[in-house]
């Protein structure tokens, strides 16, 4: 497991927070953060940090 020290998600099949390989870039990431509390926490922090950059709530 390696931590991505940059703030860019450089590979869609690798978790940007812990470096683990994901089953898929979309649903696999959601499953991964649901199962990994540290990654979920870092994802929540990321969402909080960018919330002001996105008008309204997430769609889709």
N, C-alpha and C. Protein backbone atom coordinates (compact mmCIF):
# COMPACT_ATOMS: atom_id res chain seq x y z
N UNK A 1 0.85 -1.17 0.00
CA UNK A 1 0.00 0.00 0.00
C UNK A 1 0.90 1.23 0.00
N UNK A 2 0.65 2.15 -0.95
CA UNK A 2 1.42 3.39 -0.99
C UNK A 2 0.47 4.57 -1.01
N UNK A 3 0.86 5.61 -0.35
CA UNK A 3 0.02 6.80 -0.28
C UNK A 3 0.42 7.75 -1.39
N UNK A 4 -0.56 8.30 -2.06
CA UNK A 4 -0.34 9.28 -3.10
C UNK A 4 -0.12 10.62 -2.42
N UNK A 5 1.08 11.17 -2.49
CA UNK A 5 1.37 12.41 -1.81
C UNK A 5 0.96 13.64 -2.63
N UNK A 6 0.57 13.42 -3.89
CA UNK A 6 0.10 14.54 -4.70
C UNK A 6 -1.38 14.73 -4.46
N UNK A 7 -1.95 15.77 -5.00
CA UNK A 7 -3.37 16.02 -4.85
C UNK A 7 -4.11 15.66 -6.14
N UNK A 8 -3.47 14.91 -7.02
CA UNK A 8 -4.09 14.51 -8.28
C UNK A 8 -4.33 13.01 -8.30
N UNK A 9 -5.45 12.64 -8.86
CA UNK A 9 -5.76 11.23 -9.02
C UNK A 9 -5.20 10.84 -10.37
N UNK A 10 -4.06 10.17 -10.36
CA UNK A 10 -3.33 9.92 -11.60
C UNK A 10 -3.67 8.60 -12.28
N UNK A 11 -4.35 7.69 -11.58
CA UNK A 11 -4.71 6.40 -12.16
C UNK A 11 -6.10 6.02 -11.65
N UNK A 12 -7.10 5.95 -12.53
CA UNK A 12 -8.48 5.72 -12.07
C UNK A 12 -8.75 4.35 -11.46
N UNK A 13 -7.81 3.41 -11.57
CA UNK A 13 -8.04 2.11 -10.93
C UNK A 13 -7.18 1.93 -9.68
N UNK A 14 -6.65 3.04 -9.17
CA UNK A 14 -5.86 3.03 -7.94
C UNK A 14 -6.44 4.09 -7.01
N UNK A 15 -6.68 3.73 -5.76
CA UNK A 15 -7.20 4.69 -4.78
C UNK A 15 -6.19 5.82 -4.61
N UNK A 16 -6.64 7.07 -4.76
CA UNK A 16 -5.70 8.19 -4.62
C UNK A 16 -5.27 8.41 -3.18
N UNK A 17 -5.93 7.78 -2.23
CA UNK A 17 -5.63 8.00 -0.83
C UNK A 17 -4.69 6.96 -0.25
N UNK A 18 -4.82 5.69 -0.68
CA UNK A 18 -3.97 4.65 -0.10
C UNK A 18 -3.13 3.91 -1.13
N UNK A 19 -3.48 4.03 -2.41
CA UNK A 19 -2.72 3.36 -3.46
C UNK A 19 -3.17 1.95 -3.77
N UNK A 20 -4.22 1.46 -3.08
CA UNK A 20 -4.74 0.12 -3.38
C UNK A 20 -5.41 0.09 -4.74
N UNK A 21 -5.30 -1.05 -5.42
CA UNK A 21 -5.96 -1.22 -6.71
C UNK A 21 -7.47 -1.38 -6.49
N UNK A 22 -8.25 -0.73 -7.33
CA UNK A 22 -9.71 -0.78 -7.25
C UNK A 22 -10.26 -1.79 -8.23
N UNK A 23 -11.43 -2.35 -7.94
CA UNK A 23 -12.09 -3.28 -8.85
C UNK A 23 -12.52 -2.58 -10.14
N UNK A 24 -12.90 -1.32 -10.02
CA UNK A 24 -13.28 -0.50 -11.18
C UNK A 24 -13.13 0.96 -10.78
N UNK A 25 -13.02 1.86 -11.76
CA UNK A 25 -12.81 3.26 -11.42
C UNK A 25 -14.02 3.96 -10.80
N UNK A 26 -15.22 3.50 -11.04
CA UNK A 26 -16.40 4.16 -10.50
C UNK A 26 -16.93 3.49 -9.26
N UNK A 27 -17.74 2.45 -9.48
CA UNK A 27 -18.35 1.72 -8.36
C UNK A 27 -17.28 1.09 -7.47
N UNK A 28 -16.17 0.69 -8.05
CA UNK A 28 -15.09 0.10 -7.26
C UNK A 28 -14.53 1.08 -6.25
N UNK A 29 -14.46 2.36 -6.63
CA UNK A 29 -13.98 3.38 -5.70
C UNK A 29 -14.98 3.57 -4.57
N UNK A 30 -16.26 3.63 -4.91
CA UNK A 30 -17.30 3.79 -3.89
C UNK A 30 -17.27 2.61 -2.92
N UNK A 31 -17.18 1.40 -3.44
CA UNK A 31 -17.08 0.22 -2.58
C UNK A 31 -15.85 0.30 -1.68
N UNK A 32 -14.74 0.72 -2.26
CA UNK A 32 -13.48 0.81 -1.52
C UNK A 32 -13.60 1.78 -0.34
N UNK A 33 -14.14 2.97 -0.57
CA UNK A 33 -14.21 3.92 0.54
C UNK A 33 -15.25 3.50 1.57
N UNK A 34 -16.28 2.74 1.13
CA UNK A 34 -17.25 2.22 2.08
C UNK A 34 -16.62 1.17 3.01
N UNK A 35 -15.61 0.48 2.52
CA UNK A 35 -14.98 -0.60 3.26
C UNK A 35 -13.70 -0.18 3.99
N UNK A 36 -13.21 1.02 3.71
CA UNK A 36 -11.93 1.48 4.27
C UNK A 36 -12.11 2.84 4.92
N UNK A 37 -12.26 2.83 6.23
CA UNK A 37 -12.55 4.06 6.97
C UNK A 37 -11.52 5.17 6.75
N UNK A 38 -10.21 4.88 6.74
CA UNK A 38 -9.25 5.97 6.51
C UNK A 38 -9.44 6.63 5.14
N UNK A 39 -9.71 5.83 4.11
CA UNK A 39 -9.93 6.40 2.77
C UNK A 39 -11.24 7.18 2.73
N UNK A 40 -12.27 6.66 3.40
CA UNK A 40 -13.55 7.37 3.45
C UNK A 40 -13.37 8.72 4.13
N UNK A 41 -12.61 8.74 5.20
CA UNK A 41 -12.36 9.99 5.92
C UNK A 41 -11.61 10.99 5.03
N UNK A 42 -10.59 10.52 4.35
CA UNK A 42 -9.83 11.42 3.45
C UNK A 42 -10.69 11.89 2.29
N UNK A 43 -11.57 11.02 1.76
CA UNK A 43 -12.49 11.42 0.70
C UNK A 43 -13.45 12.50 1.20
N UNK A 44 -13.98 12.31 2.41
CA UNK A 44 -14.87 13.32 2.99
C UNK A 44 -14.15 14.65 3.17
N UNK A 45 -12.90 14.62 3.59
CA UNK A 45 -12.12 15.85 3.71
C UNK A 45 -11.94 16.51 2.36
N UNK A 46 -11.65 15.72 1.34
CA UNK A 46 -11.47 16.23 -0.02
C UNK A 46 -12.75 16.91 -0.50
N UNK A 47 -13.91 16.22 -0.29
CA UNK A 47 -15.19 16.80 -0.71
C UNK A 47 -15.46 18.12 0.00
N UNK A 48 -15.15 18.18 1.29
CA UNK A 48 -15.34 19.41 2.05
C UNK A 48 -14.46 20.52 1.48
N UNK A 49 -13.24 20.19 1.15
CA UNK A 49 -12.30 21.19 0.62
C UNK A 49 -12.73 21.75 -0.73
N UNK A 50 -13.37 20.95 -1.56
CA UNK A 50 -13.74 21.44 -2.89
C UNK A 50 -15.21 21.87 -2.98
N UNK A 51 -15.97 21.72 -1.90
CA UNK A 51 -17.41 22.01 -1.94
C UNK A 51 -17.70 23.42 -2.45
N UNK A 52 -16.90 24.38 -2.11
CA UNK A 52 -17.12 25.75 -2.55
C UNK A 52 -16.81 25.96 -4.02
N UNK A 53 -16.07 25.03 -4.63
CA UNK A 53 -15.71 25.14 -6.04
C UNK A 53 -16.80 24.62 -6.97
N UNK A 54 -17.75 23.87 -6.41
CA UNK A 54 -18.80 23.25 -7.21
C UNK A 54 -20.14 23.85 -6.80
N UNK A 55 -20.85 24.39 -7.78
CA UNK A 55 -22.17 24.97 -7.51
C UNK A 55 -23.19 23.90 -7.23
N UNK A 56 -23.89 24.00 -6.12
CA UNK A 56 -24.90 23.02 -5.78
C UNK A 56 -24.29 21.74 -5.25
N UNK A 57 -25.08 20.71 -5.16
CA UNK A 57 -24.63 19.41 -4.66
C UNK A 57 -24.23 18.54 -5.84
N UNK A 58 -23.55 17.44 -5.53
CA UNK A 58 -23.15 16.48 -6.55
C UNK A 58 -24.39 15.91 -7.24
N UNK A 59 -24.28 15.64 -8.52
CA UNK A 59 -25.36 15.01 -9.25
C UNK A 59 -24.90 13.64 -9.74
N UNK A 60 -25.83 12.82 -10.12
CA UNK A 60 -25.47 11.54 -10.73
C UNK A 60 -25.57 10.45 -9.85
